[in-house]
Amino acid sequence: MSRRTKFIIAAIFLVLLAVPAVYLTYTWQPYKPLILRLEHIAPMSEHDPLGYRDIRISVENTSPAVIYLVAILIEVPGKEPSWANPTGIVIEEYQSGGSVPTVPGAMIIGPHRRVQLEGELLPEHIRAAQRGDLLGHHYWESQPRRTWSGFLTWLHKHSPPLVQNSINSLRPITDVAPLESELEPSVPDSATPHASP
């Protein structure tokens, strides 16, 4: 084999290695890939779960990666997000009608895509939400990171007990972004439903 042929084969090999490396560089953990916008607050209803108001949020993925969005916890600035008593919340269980792809525990947002998600918000924070004064604490994974985390979980499950403690799956990434508002401040803050006639 000539030296030139060896050089060409080596160059092709390096290119084949570089392609997935570049892909992982851009998609493993893109910087703050999601933009959150409040689009709709449902009218007051006697059937609001636990006093929450139904809302619709658009989520735009600005990155080249597929994003698995685990949850959005909505809170006022300066308050730690609470899973037990959130100011507002968006999770996979609230999505219906197949408007957004889901897997158990996560909503899937394609690269450079914008989707609409259903959630809930406490009525006393409606005006703050309309002004764009709330924050969205969101928990997410990129597709390569989620795939690797799944492999680590499988490896942990099938490894000898002696080495299981050294194998840990990756936790979802936590980001905070303003919950931008596309609404006018017109919905009243009252948390008490109107009585039926």
N, C-alpha and C. Protein backbone atom coordinates (compact mmCIF):
# COMPACT_ATOMS: atom_id res chain seq x y z
N MET A 1 0.85 -1.19 0.00
CA MET A 1 0.00 0.00 0.00
C MET A 1 0.89 1.24 0.00
N SER A 2 0.58 2.14 -0.91
CA SER A 2 1.42 3.33 -1.04
C SER A 2 1.20 4.28 0.14
N ARG A 3 2.19 5.17 0.30
CA ARG A 3 2.07 6.15 1.39
C ARG A 3 0.87 7.06 1.18
N ARG A 4 0.58 7.40 -0.07
CA ARG A 4 -0.56 8.29 -0.35
C ARG A 4 -1.88 7.62 0.03
N THR A 5 -2.00 6.32 -0.27
CA THR A 5 -3.23 5.58 0.07
C THR A 5 -3.41 5.52 1.58
N LYS A 6 -2.31 5.27 2.29
CA LYS A 6 -2.37 5.24 3.76
C LYS A 6 -2.80 6.59 4.31
N PHE A 7 -2.30 7.65 3.72
CA PHE A 7 -2.66 9.00 4.17
C PHE A 7 -4.14 9.26 3.95
N ILE A 8 -4.67 8.86 2.79
CA ILE A 8 -6.09 9.08 2.48
C ILE A 8 -6.97 8.29 3.45
N ILE A 9 -6.60 7.03 3.73
CA ILE A 9 -7.37 6.20 4.65
C ILE A 9 -7.37 6.82 6.05
N ALA A 10 -6.20 7.31 6.48
CA ALA A 10 -6.09 7.93 7.80
C ALA A 10 -6.94 9.20 7.87
N ALA A 11 -6.93 9.99 6.78
CA ALA A 11 -7.71 11.22 6.76
C ALA A 11 -9.20 10.92 6.84
N ILE A 12 -9.65 9.90 6.10
CA ILE A 12 -11.07 9.52 6.14
C ILE A 12 -11.45 9.05 7.55
N PHE A 13 -10.55 8.28 8.16
CA PHE A 13 -10.80 7.78 9.51
C PHE A 13 -10.94 8.94 10.50
N LEU A 14 -10.08 9.93 10.38
CA LEU A 14 -10.14 11.08 11.28
C LEU A 14 -11.43 11.88 11.07
N VAL A 15 -11.86 12.01 9.82
CA VAL A 15 -13.10 12.72 9.53
C VAL A 15 -14.29 11.99 10.15
N LEU A 16 -14.29 10.65 10.02
CA LEU A 16 -15.38 9.86 10.59
C LEU A 16 -15.43 9.97 12.11
N LEU A 17 -14.27 10.12 12.72
CA LEU A 17 -14.23 10.32 14.17
C LEU A 17 -14.67 11.73 14.55
N ALA A 18 -14.35 12.69 13.70
CA ALA A 18 -14.64 14.09 14.02
C ALA A 18 -16.13 14.40 13.95
N VAL A 19 -16.85 13.76 13.05
CA VAL A 19 -18.27 14.06 12.87
C VAL A 19 -19.06 13.81 14.16
N PRO A 20 -18.99 12.61 14.77
CA PRO A 20 -19.73 12.44 16.03
C PRO A 20 -19.19 13.30 17.17
N ALA A 21 -17.88 13.58 17.13
CA ALA A 21 -17.31 14.44 18.19
C ALA A 21 -17.88 15.84 18.11
N VAL A 22 -17.99 16.38 16.91
CA VAL A 22 -18.56 17.72 16.74
C VAL A 22 -20.03 17.71 17.12
N TYR A 23 -20.75 16.65 16.73
CA TYR A 23 -22.18 16.54 17.07
C TYR A 23 -22.37 16.56 18.58
N LEU A 24 -21.57 15.78 19.29
CA LEU A 24 -21.70 15.73 20.75
C LEU A 24 -21.34 17.06 21.39
N THR A 25 -20.37 17.75 20.81
CA THR A 25 -19.97 19.06 21.35
C THR A 25 -21.13 20.03 21.34
N TYR A 26 -21.93 20.01 20.27
CA TYR A 26 -23.02 20.96 20.13
C TYR A 26 -24.32 20.50 20.78
N THR A 27 -24.46 19.19 21.03
CA THR A 27 -25.75 18.68 21.49
C THR A 27 -25.73 18.06 22.89
N TRP A 28 -24.55 17.85 23.48
CA TRP A 28 -24.50 17.21 24.79
C TRP A 28 -25.17 18.09 25.86
N GLN A 29 -24.77 19.35 25.94
CA GLN A 29 -25.35 20.27 26.92
C GLN A 29 -25.36 21.68 26.34
N PRO A 30 -26.28 21.95 25.41
CA PRO A 30 -26.35 23.31 24.86
C PRO A 30 -26.68 24.32 25.95
N TYR A 31 -26.18 25.53 25.78
CA TYR A 31 -26.33 26.56 26.82
C TYR A 31 -27.73 27.16 26.78
N LYS A 32 -28.46 27.00 27.88
CA LYS A 32 -29.80 27.58 28.05
C LYS A 32 -30.60 27.52 26.75
N PRO A 33 -31.00 26.32 26.35
CA PRO A 33 -31.61 26.17 25.02
C PRO A 33 -33.08 26.56 24.92
N LEU A 34 -33.77 26.75 26.06
CA LEU A 34 -35.22 26.91 26.02
C LEU A 34 -35.66 28.34 26.35
N ILE A 35 -36.63 28.82 25.57
CA ILE A 35 -37.29 30.09 25.83
C ILE A 35 -38.73 29.79 26.21
N LEU A 36 -39.20 30.37 27.32
CA LEU A 36 -40.54 30.09 27.84
C LEU A 36 -41.43 31.31 27.68
N ARG A 37 -42.63 31.11 27.15
CA ARG A 37 -43.57 32.21 26.97
C ARG A 37 -44.97 31.78 27.42
N LEU A 38 -45.59 32.60 28.24
CA LEU A 38 -46.97 32.37 28.66
C LEU A 38 -47.90 32.85 27.57
N GLU A 39 -48.77 31.95 27.07
CA GLU A 39 -49.65 32.29 25.95
C GLU A 39 -51.12 32.40 26.35
N HIS A 40 -51.52 31.66 27.38
CA HIS A 40 -52.95 31.61 27.69
C HIS A 40 -53.17 31.24 29.15
N ILE A 41 -54.17 31.88 29.77
CA ILE A 41 -54.65 31.52 31.10
C ILE A 41 -56.14 31.24 30.98
N ALA A 42 -56.56 30.07 31.40
CA ALA A 42 -57.96 29.68 31.25
C ALA A 42 -58.85 30.49 32.20
N PRO A 43 -60.09 30.70 31.81
CA PRO A 43 -61.03 31.39 32.71
C PRO A 43 -61.23 30.59 33.99
N MET A 44 -61.71 31.26 35.02
CA MET A 44 -61.95 30.62 36.30
C MET A 44 -62.98 29.50 36.16
N SER A 45 -62.78 28.42 36.89
CA SER A 45 -63.68 27.28 36.83
C SER A 45 -63.82 26.66 38.21
N GLU A 46 -65.00 26.10 38.49
CA GLU A 46 -65.20 25.40 39.74
C GLU A 46 -64.40 24.11 39.79
N HIS A 47 -63.92 23.68 38.66
CA HIS A 47 -63.23 22.39 38.57
C HIS A 47 -61.71 22.54 38.53
N ASP A 48 -61.19 23.73 38.82
CA ASP A 48 -59.74 23.92 38.84
C ASP A 48 -59.12 23.00 39.90
N PRO A 49 -58.16 22.16 39.52
CA PRO A 49 -57.58 21.22 40.49
C PRO A 49 -56.81 21.95 41.58
N LEU A 50 -57.22 21.72 42.82
CA LEU A 50 -56.53 22.29 43.99
C LEU A 50 -56.43 23.82 43.91
N GLY A 51 -57.36 24.45 43.21
CA GLY A 51 -57.37 25.90 43.12
C GLY A 51 -56.48 26.47 42.04
N TYR A 52 -55.82 25.64 41.26
CA TYR A 52 -54.93 26.12 40.20
C TYR A 52 -55.74 26.51 38.96
N ARG A 53 -55.15 27.38 38.16
CA ARG A 53 -55.75 27.78 36.88
C ARG A 53 -54.96 27.14 35.74
N ASP A 54 -55.67 26.58 34.76
CA ASP A 54 -54.99 25.98 33.60
C ASP A 54 -54.32 27.08 32.77
N ILE A 55 -53.10 26.79 32.31
CA ILE A 55 -52.36 27.74 31.49
C ILE A 55 -51.76 27.01 30.29
N ARG A 56 -51.36 27.79 29.29
CA ARG A 56 -50.63 27.24 28.15
C ARG A 56 -49.35 28.03 27.97
N ILE A 57 -48.25 27.31 27.87
CA ILE A 57 -46.93 27.92 27.70
C ILE A 57 -46.32 27.43 26.40
N SER A 58 -45.73 28.33 25.64
CA SER A 58 -44.95 27.89 24.48
C SER A 58 -43.50 27.78 24.90
N VAL A 59 -42.86 26.71 24.45
CA VAL A 59 -41.45 26.47 24.76
C VAL A 59 -40.70 26.33 23.45
N GLU A 60 -39.73 27.21 23.26
CA GLU A 60 -38.93 27.21 22.03
C GLU A 60 -37.55 26.65 22.31
N ASN A 61 -37.18 25.64 21.54
CA ASN A 61 -35.84 25.04 21.64
C ASN A 61 -34.95 25.73 20.61
N THR A 62 -34.01 26.52 21.07
CA THR A 62 -33.14 27.28 20.17
C THR A 62 -31.88 26.52 19.77
N SER A 63 -31.74 25.28 20.25
CA SER A 63 -30.50 24.53 20.04
C SER A 63 -30.65 23.51 18.92
N PRO A 64 -29.52 22.91 18.46
CA PRO A 64 -29.59 21.85 17.46
C PRO A 64 -29.84 20.48 18.07
N ALA A 65 -30.10 20.41 19.37
CA ALA A 65 -30.29 19.13 20.06
C ALA A 65 -31.76 18.86 20.30
N VAL A 66 -32.11 17.57 20.32
CA VAL A 66 -33.43 17.16 20.80
C VAL A 66 -33.41 17.30 22.32
N ILE A 67 -34.41 17.99 22.88
CA ILE A 67 -34.46 18.23 24.32
C ILE A 67 -35.61 17.43 24.94
N TYR A 68 -35.28 16.71 26.01
CA TYR A 68 -36.29 16.02 26.82
C TYR A 68 -36.56 16.89 28.04
N LEU A 69 -37.71 17.54 28.05
CA LEU A 69 -38.08 18.45 29.13
C LEU A 69 -38.83 17.68 30.21
N VAL A 70 -38.22 17.58 31.39
CA VAL A 70 -38.81 16.81 32.48
C VAL A 70 -39.92 17.59 33.15
N ALA A 71 -39.69 18.88 33.44
CA ALA A 71 -40.69 19.68 34.14
C ALA A 71 -40.30 21.14 34.11
N ILE A 72 -41.31 22.00 34.29
CA ILE A 72 -41.11 23.42 34.55
C ILE A 72 -41.81 23.74 35.86
N LEU A 73 -41.06 24.26 36.82
CA LEU A 73 -41.65 24.76 38.06
C LEU A 73 -41.61 26.28 38.02
N ILE A 74 -42.77 26.90 38.13
CA ILE A 74 -42.89 28.35 38.03
C ILE A 74 -42.90 28.95 39.43
N GLU A 75 -42.03 29.93 39.64
CA GLU A 75 -41.95 30.57 40.96
C GLU A 75 -41.69 32.06 40.81
N VAL A 76 -41.95 32.79 41.91
CA VAL A 76 -41.62 34.21 41.96
C VAL A 76 -40.11 34.33 42.16
N PRO A 77 -39.48 35.39 41.70
CA PRO A 77 -38.04 35.57 41.90
C PRO A 77 -37.68 35.54 43.38
N GLY A 78 -36.60 34.88 43.71
CA GLY A 78 -36.12 34.80 45.08
C GLY A 78 -36.67 33.64 45.87
N LYS A 79 -37.63 32.91 45.33
CA LYS A 79 -38.21 31.76 46.02
C LYS A 79 -37.72 30.47 45.38
N GLU A 80 -37.29 29.53 46.21
CA GLU A 80 -36.83 28.24 45.71
C GLU A 80 -38.01 27.46 45.15
N PRO A 81 -37.82 26.79 44.01
CA PRO A 81 -38.93 26.00 43.44
C PRO A 81 -39.33 24.86 44.36
N SER A 82 -40.61 24.60 44.43
CA SER A 82 -41.15 23.56 45.31
C SER A 82 -41.96 22.56 44.51
N TRP A 83 -41.59 21.29 44.61
CA TRP A 83 -42.36 20.25 43.95
C TRP A 83 -43.67 19.99 44.70
N ALA A 84 -43.65 20.21 46.01
CA ALA A 84 -44.84 19.93 46.82
C ALA A 84 -45.92 20.99 46.64
N ASN A 85 -45.51 22.27 46.63
CA ASN A 85 -46.48 23.37 46.51
C ASN A 85 -45.96 24.43 45.54
N PRO A 86 -45.92 24.11 44.26
CA PRO A 86 -45.38 25.08 43.30
C PRO A 86 -46.35 26.21 43.01
N THR A 87 -45.79 27.36 42.67
CA THR A 87 -46.62 28.46 42.18
C THR A 87 -47.29 28.07 40.87
N GLY A 88 -46.55 27.36 40.05
CA GLY A 88 -47.07 26.84 38.79
C GLY A 88 -46.23 25.64 38.37
N ILE A 89 -46.79 24.81 37.50
CA ILE A 89 -46.07 23.59 37.11
C ILE A 89 -46.50 23.13 35.72
N VAL A 90 -45.54 22.60 34.97
CA VAL A 90 -45.78 21.97 33.67
C VAL A 90 -45.05 20.63 33.68
N ILE A 91 -45.80 19.54 33.52
CA ILE A 91 -45.20 18.21 33.49
C ILE A 91 -45.84 17.37 32.39
N GLU A 92 -45.23 16.24 32.12
CA GLU A 92 -45.69 15.39 31.01
C GLU A 92 -47.12 14.90 31.21
N GLU A 93 -47.51 14.64 32.45
CA GLU A 93 -48.84 14.10 32.73
C GLU A 93 -49.96 15.05 32.34
N TYR A 94 -49.67 16.36 32.22
CA TYR A 94 -50.70 17.34 31.89
C TYR A 94 -50.92 17.47 30.39
N GLN A 95 -50.09 16.85 29.58
CA GLN A 95 -50.19 17.02 28.13
C GLN A 95 -51.22 16.04 27.58
N SER A 96 -52.08 16.54 26.72
CA SER A 96 -53.13 15.68 26.16
C SER A 96 -53.31 16.01 24.68
N GLY A 97 -53.93 15.08 23.98
CA GLY A 97 -54.25 15.33 22.58
C GLY A 97 -53.11 15.10 21.62
N GLY A 98 -51.95 14.68 22.11
CA GLY A 98 -50.84 14.38 21.23
C GLY A 98 -50.23 15.58 20.55
N SER A 99 -50.42 16.78 21.13
CA SER A 99 -49.88 17.98 20.49
C SER A 99 -48.36 18.06 20.59
N VAL A 100 -47.78 17.35 21.55
CA VAL A 100 -46.33 17.32 21.70
C VAL A 100 -45.92 15.87 22.01
N PRO A 101 -44.84 15.38 21.39
CA PRO A 101 -44.39 14.01 21.68
C PRO A 101 -43.94 13.90 23.14
N THR A 102 -44.26 12.78 23.75
CA THR A 102 -43.86 12.55 25.14
C THR A 102 -43.36 11.13 25.32
N VAL A 103 -42.58 10.95 26.35
CA VAL A 103 -42.22 9.64 26.87
C VAL A 103 -42.54 9.71 28.37
N PRO A 104 -42.63 8.58 29.05
CA PRO A 104 -42.94 8.66 30.48
C PRO A 104 -41.96 9.58 31.22
N GLY A 105 -42.51 10.67 31.79
CA GLY A 105 -41.69 11.58 32.58
C GLY A 105 -41.03 12.71 31.83
N ALA A 106 -41.29 12.85 30.53
CA ALA A 106 -40.63 13.94 29.79
C ALA A 106 -41.41 14.30 28.54
N MET A 107 -41.26 15.57 28.12
CA MET A 107 -41.82 16.08 26.88
C MET A 107 -40.67 16.29 25.89
N ILE A 108 -40.86 15.92 24.64
CA ILE A 108 -39.78 15.93 23.65
C ILE A 108 -39.94 17.16 22.75
N ILE A 109 -38.87 17.95 22.66
CA ILE A 109 -38.88 19.15 21.82
C ILE A 109 -37.75 19.03 20.81
N GLY A 110 -38.09 19.01 19.54
CA GLY A 110 -37.10 18.84 18.49
C GLY A 110 -36.20 20.06 18.33
N PRO A 111 -35.10 19.90 17.59
CA PRO A 111 -34.18 21.02 17.37
C PRO A 111 -34.88 22.20 16.68
N HIS A 112 -34.67 23.39 17.22
CA HIS A 112 -35.23 24.62 16.64
C HIS A 112 -36.75 24.51 16.44
N ARG A 113 -37.41 23.87 17.39
CA ARG A 113 -38.86 23.73 17.33
C ARG A 113 -39.51 24.52 18.47
N ARG A 114 -40.76 24.86 18.27
CA ARG A 114 -41.55 25.54 19.30
C ARG A 114 -42.83 24.74 19.53
N VAL A 115 -43.09 24.37 20.78
CA VAL A 115 -44.25 23.57 21.11
C VAL A 115 -45.09 24.30 22.16
N GLN A 116 -46.34 23.89 22.27
CA GLN A 116 -47.24 24.44 23.28
C GLN A 116 -47.51 23.38 24.33
N LEU A 117 -47.33 23.76 25.59
CA LEU A 117 -47.48 22.82 26.70
C LEU A 117 -48.54 23.32 27.67
N GLU A 118 -49.25 22.36 28.27
CA GLU A 118 -50.29 22.68 29.24
C GLU A 118 -49.72 22.61 30.65
N GLY A 119 -50.19 23.52 31.52
CA GLY A 119 -49.73 23.52 32.89
C GLY A 119 -50.76 24.13 33.82
N GLU A 120 -50.33 24.45 35.03
CA GLU A 120 -51.21 25.02 36.03
C GLU A 120 -50.51 26.16 36.77
N LEU A 121 -51.30 27.13 37.23
CA LEU A 121 -50.76 28.30 37.93
C LEU A 121 -51.74 28.73 39.02
N LEU A 122 -51.21 29.07 40.20
CA LEU A 122 -52.05 29.58 41.27
C LEU A 122 -52.63 30.94 40.87
N PRO A 123 -53.93 31.15 41.07
CA PRO A 123 -54.57 32.40 40.61
C PRO A 123 -53.98 33.66 41.20
N GLU A 124 -53.47 33.60 42.44
CA GLU A 124 -52.94 34.82 43.04
C GLU A 124 -51.68 35.33 42.36
N HIS A 125 -51.12 34.54 41.44
CA HIS A 125 -49.91 34.97 40.73
C HIS A 125 -50.19 35.28 39.26
N ILE A 126 -51.46 35.39 38.91
CA ILE A 126 -51.80 35.62 37.51
C ILE A 126 -51.28 36.96 37.01
N ARG A 127 -51.47 38.03 37.78
CA ARG A 127 -51.02 39.34 37.31
C ARG A 127 -49.50 39.38 37.16
N ALA A 128 -48.79 38.77 38.09
CA ALA A 128 -47.33 38.71 37.96
C ALA A 128 -46.94 37.95 36.70
N ALA A 129 -47.67 36.87 36.40
CA ALA A 129 -47.40 36.10 35.19
C ALA A 129 -47.67 36.92 33.94
N GLN A 130 -48.77 37.68 33.95
CA GLN A 130 -49.11 38.52 32.80
C GLN A 130 -48.07 39.62 32.56
N ARG A 131 -47.45 40.07 33.65
CA ARG A 131 -46.41 41.10 33.52
C ARG A 131 -45.06 40.51 33.13
N GLY A 132 -44.94 39.20 33.16
CA GLY A 132 -43.66 38.56 32.86
C GLY A 132 -42.71 38.58 34.04
N ASP A 133 -43.27 38.61 35.27
CA ASP A 133 -42.43 38.73 36.47
C ASP A 133 -42.08 37.39 37.11
N LEU A 134 -42.53 36.27 36.55
CA LEU A 134 -42.25 34.96 37.14
C LEU A 134 -41.08 34.28 36.43
N LEU A 135 -40.52 33.30 37.09
CA LEU A 135 -39.39 32.53 36.54
C LEU A 135 -39.81 31.08 36.32
N GLY A 136 -39.24 30.48 35.28
CA GLY A 136 -39.47 29.07 34.99
C GLY A 136 -38.21 28.26 35.29
N HIS A 137 -38.23 27.53 36.39
CA HIS A 137 -37.14 26.60 36.70
C HIS A 137 -37.42 25.31 35.94
N HIS A 138 -36.59 25.00 34.95
CA HIS A 138 -36.87 23.84 34.12
C HIS A 138 -35.75 22.81 34.16
N TYR A 139 -36.16 21.56 34.04
CA TYR A 139 -35.28 20.41 34.20
C TYR A 139 -35.30 19.63 32.90
N TRP A 140 -34.12 19.41 32.31
CA TRP A 140 -34.09 18.86 30.96
C TRP A 140 -32.83 18.03 30.72
N GLU A 141 -32.89 17.26 29.64
CA GLU A 141 -31.74 16.48 29.17
C GLU A 141 -31.69 16.56 27.65
N SER A 142 -30.49 16.57 27.09
CA SER A 142 -30.35 16.43 25.64
C SER A 142 -30.44 14.94 25.30
N GLN A 143 -30.72 14.66 24.04
CA GLN A 143 -30.87 13.25 23.65
C GLN A 143 -29.58 12.44 23.87
N PRO A 144 -28.39 12.95 23.48
CA PRO A 144 -27.18 12.16 23.76
C PRO A 144 -26.95 11.94 25.26
N ARG A 145 -27.20 12.96 26.06
CA ARG A 145 -27.01 12.84 27.50
C ARG A 145 -28.00 11.84 28.10
N ARG A 146 -29.25 11.88 27.62
CA ARG A 146 -30.26 10.95 28.12
C ARG A 146 -29.92 9.51 27.73
N THR A 147 -29.42 9.33 26.49
CA THR A 147 -29.03 7.99 26.05
C THR A 147 -27.90 7.45 26.91
N TRP A 148 -26.91 8.29 27.19
CA TRP A 148 -25.79 7.87 28.03
C TRP A 148 -26.24 7.58 29.46
N SER A 149 -27.15 8.40 29.97
CA SER A 149 -27.67 8.19 31.31
C SER A 149 -28.43 6.87 31.39
N GLY A 150 -29.19 6.55 30.33
CA GLY A 150 -29.89 5.27 30.29
C GLY A 150 -28.94 4.10 30.28
N PHE A 151 -27.82 4.25 29.55
CA PHE A 151 -26.82 3.18 29.54
C PHE A 151 -26.20 3.00 30.92
N LEU A 152 -25.92 4.10 31.61
CA LEU A 152 -25.36 4.01 32.95
C LEU A 152 -26.34 3.35 33.92
N THR A 153 -27.63 3.66 33.76
CA THR A 153 -28.64 3.02 34.61
C THR A 153 -28.67 1.51 34.36
N TRP A 154 -28.63 1.12 33.09
CA TRP A 154 -28.60 -0.31 32.75
C TRP A 154 -27.34 -0.97 33.31
N LEU A 155 -26.21 -0.28 33.17
CA LEU A 155 -24.95 -0.84 33.64
C LEU A 155 -24.96 -1.01 35.16
N HIS A 156 -25.53 -0.02 35.85
CA HIS A 156 -25.64 -0.11 37.31
C HIS A 156 -26.49 -1.31 37.72
N LYS A 157 -27.59 -1.51 36.99
CA LYS A 157 -28.52 -2.59 37.33
C LYS A 157 -27.89 -3.97 37.10
N HIS A 158 -27.03 -4.08 36.11
CA HIS A 158 -26.47 -5.38 35.74
C HIS A 158 -25.03 -5.59 36.21
N SER A 159 -24.52 -4.70 37.01
CA SER A 159 -23.15 -4.82 37.51
C SER A 159 -23.13 -5.55 38.85
N PRO A 160 -21.99 -6.12 39.20
CA PRO A 160 -21.86 -6.75 40.52
C PRO A 160 -22.04 -5.71 41.62
N PRO A 161 -22.58 -6.10 42.75
CA PRO A 161 -22.81 -5.15 43.85
C PRO A 161 -21.56 -4.38 44.26
N LEU A 162 -20.39 -4.99 44.07
CA LEU A 162 -19.15 -4.35 44.49
C LEU A 162 -18.87 -3.05 43.73
N VAL A 163 -19.33 -2.98 42.48
CA VAL A 163 -19.02 -1.80 41.65
C VAL A 163 -20.24 -0.90 41.40
N GLN A 164 -21.41 -1.31 41.88
CA GLN A 164 -22.62 -0.52 41.60
C GLN A 164 -22.54 0.90 42.16
N ASN A 165 -21.92 1.06 43.33
CA ASN A 165 -21.85 2.39 43.95
C ASN A 165 -21.00 3.37 43.15
N SER A 166 -20.16 2.86 42.26
CA SER A 166 -19.31 3.75 41.47
C SER A 166 -19.94 4.12 40.13
N ILE A 167 -21.14 3.60 39.86
CA ILE A 167 -21.84 3.89 38.60
C ILE A 167 -23.10 4.67 38.92
N ASN A 168 -23.15 5.90 38.50
CA ASN A 168 -24.30 6.76 38.76
C ASN A 168 -24.83 7.34 37.46
N SER A 169 -26.15 7.31 37.29
CA SER A 169 -26.74 7.93 36.11
C SER A 169 -26.68 9.46 36.25
N LEU A 170 -26.84 10.15 35.15
CA LEU A 170 -26.76 11.61 35.14
C LEU A 170 -28.10 12.21 35.53
N ARG A 171 -28.06 13.25 36.32
CA ARG A 171 -29.28 13.95 36.69
C ARG A 171 -29.66 14.97 35.61
N PRO A 172 -30.95 15.27 35.48
CA PRO A 172 -31.33 16.31 34.52
C PRO A 172 -30.67 17.64 34.84
N ILE A 173 -30.43 18.42 33.81
CA ILE A 173 -29.84 19.75 33.96
C ILE A 173 -30.93 20.72 34.45
N THR A 174 -30.55 21.62 35.33
CA THR A 174 -31.48 22.62 35.85
C THR A 174 -31.12 23.99 35.29
N ASP A 175 -32.09 24.66 34.68
CA ASP A 175 -31.91 26.02 34.18
C ASP A 175 -33.04 26.89 34.71
N VAL A 176 -32.80 28.19 34.70
CA VAL A 176 -33.83 29.16 35.08
C VAL A 176 -33.94 30.20 33.98
N ALA A 177 -35.17 30.48 33.56
CA ALA A 177 -35.40 31.48 32.51
C ALA A 177 -36.64 32.29 32.86
N PRO A 178 -36.70 33.55 32.43
CA PRO A 178 -37.93 34.34 32.64
C PRO A 178 -39.11 33.67 31.94
N LEU A 179 -40.26 33.69 32.58
CA LEU A 179 -41.48 33.26 31.91
C LEU A 179 -42.05 34.49 31.21
N GLU A 180 -41.63 34.67 29.97
CA GLU A 180 -42.08 35.83 29.21
C GLU A 180 -43.59 35.76 29.00
N SER A 181 -44.20 36.91 28.85
CA SER A 181 -45.66 36.96 28.72
C SER A 181 -46.08 37.58 27.40
N GLU A 182 -47.07 36.94 26.77
CA GLU A 182 -47.68 37.49 25.56
C GLU A 182 -49.11 37.95 25.86
N LEU A 183 -49.42 38.15 27.15
CA LEU A 183 -50.78 38.48 27.57
C LEU A 183 -50.86 39.91 28.09
N GLU A 184 -52.05 40.46 28.01
CA GLU A 184 -52.34 41.74 28.63
C GLU A 184 -52.80 41.49 30.07
N PRO A 185 -52.46 42.37 31.02
CA PRO A 185 -52.87 42.17 32.42
C PRO A 185 -54.35 42.46 32.62
N SER A 186 -55.20 41.47 32.24
CA SER A 186 -56.64 41.71 32.29
C SER A 186 -57.39 40.69 33.13
N VAL A 187 -56.78 39.52 33.39
CA VAL A 187 -57.49 38.48 34.14
C VAL A 187 -57.40 38.79 35.61
N PRO A 188 -58.52 38.82 36.36
CA PRO A 188 -58.47 39.11 37.79
C PRO A 188 -57.76 38.03 38.56
N ASP A 189 -57.25 38.40 39.75
CA ASP A 189 -56.48 37.48 40.56
C ASP A 189 -57.31 36.64 41.50
N SER A 190 -58.60 36.82 41.54
CA SER A 190 -59.42 36.13 42.52
C SER A 190 -59.27 34.64 42.41
N ALA A 191 -59.11 33.96 43.55
CA ALA A 191 -58.96 32.50 43.57
C ALA A 191 -60.27 31.82 43.87
N THR A 192 -61.34 32.58 44.10
CA THR A 192 -62.62 31.97 44.47
C THR A 192 -63.51 31.85 43.26
N PRO A 193 -63.94 30.61 42.89
CA PRO A 193 -64.79 30.45 41.72
C PRO A 193 -66.15 31.09 41.94
N HIS A 194 -66.78 31.53 40.86
CA HIS A 194 -68.11 32.09 40.94
C HIS A 194 -69.11 30.99 41.27
N ALA A 195 -70.08 31.30 42.08
CA ALA A 195 -71.08 30.30 42.42
C ALA A 195 -71.99 30.07 41.23
N SER A 196 -72.44 28.84 41.09
CA SER A 196 -73.35 28.51 39.99
C SER A 196 -74.72 29.08 40.30
N PRO A 197 -75.43 29.52 39.28
CA PRO A 197 -76.77 30.10 39.52
C PRO A 197 -77.74 29.02 39.96
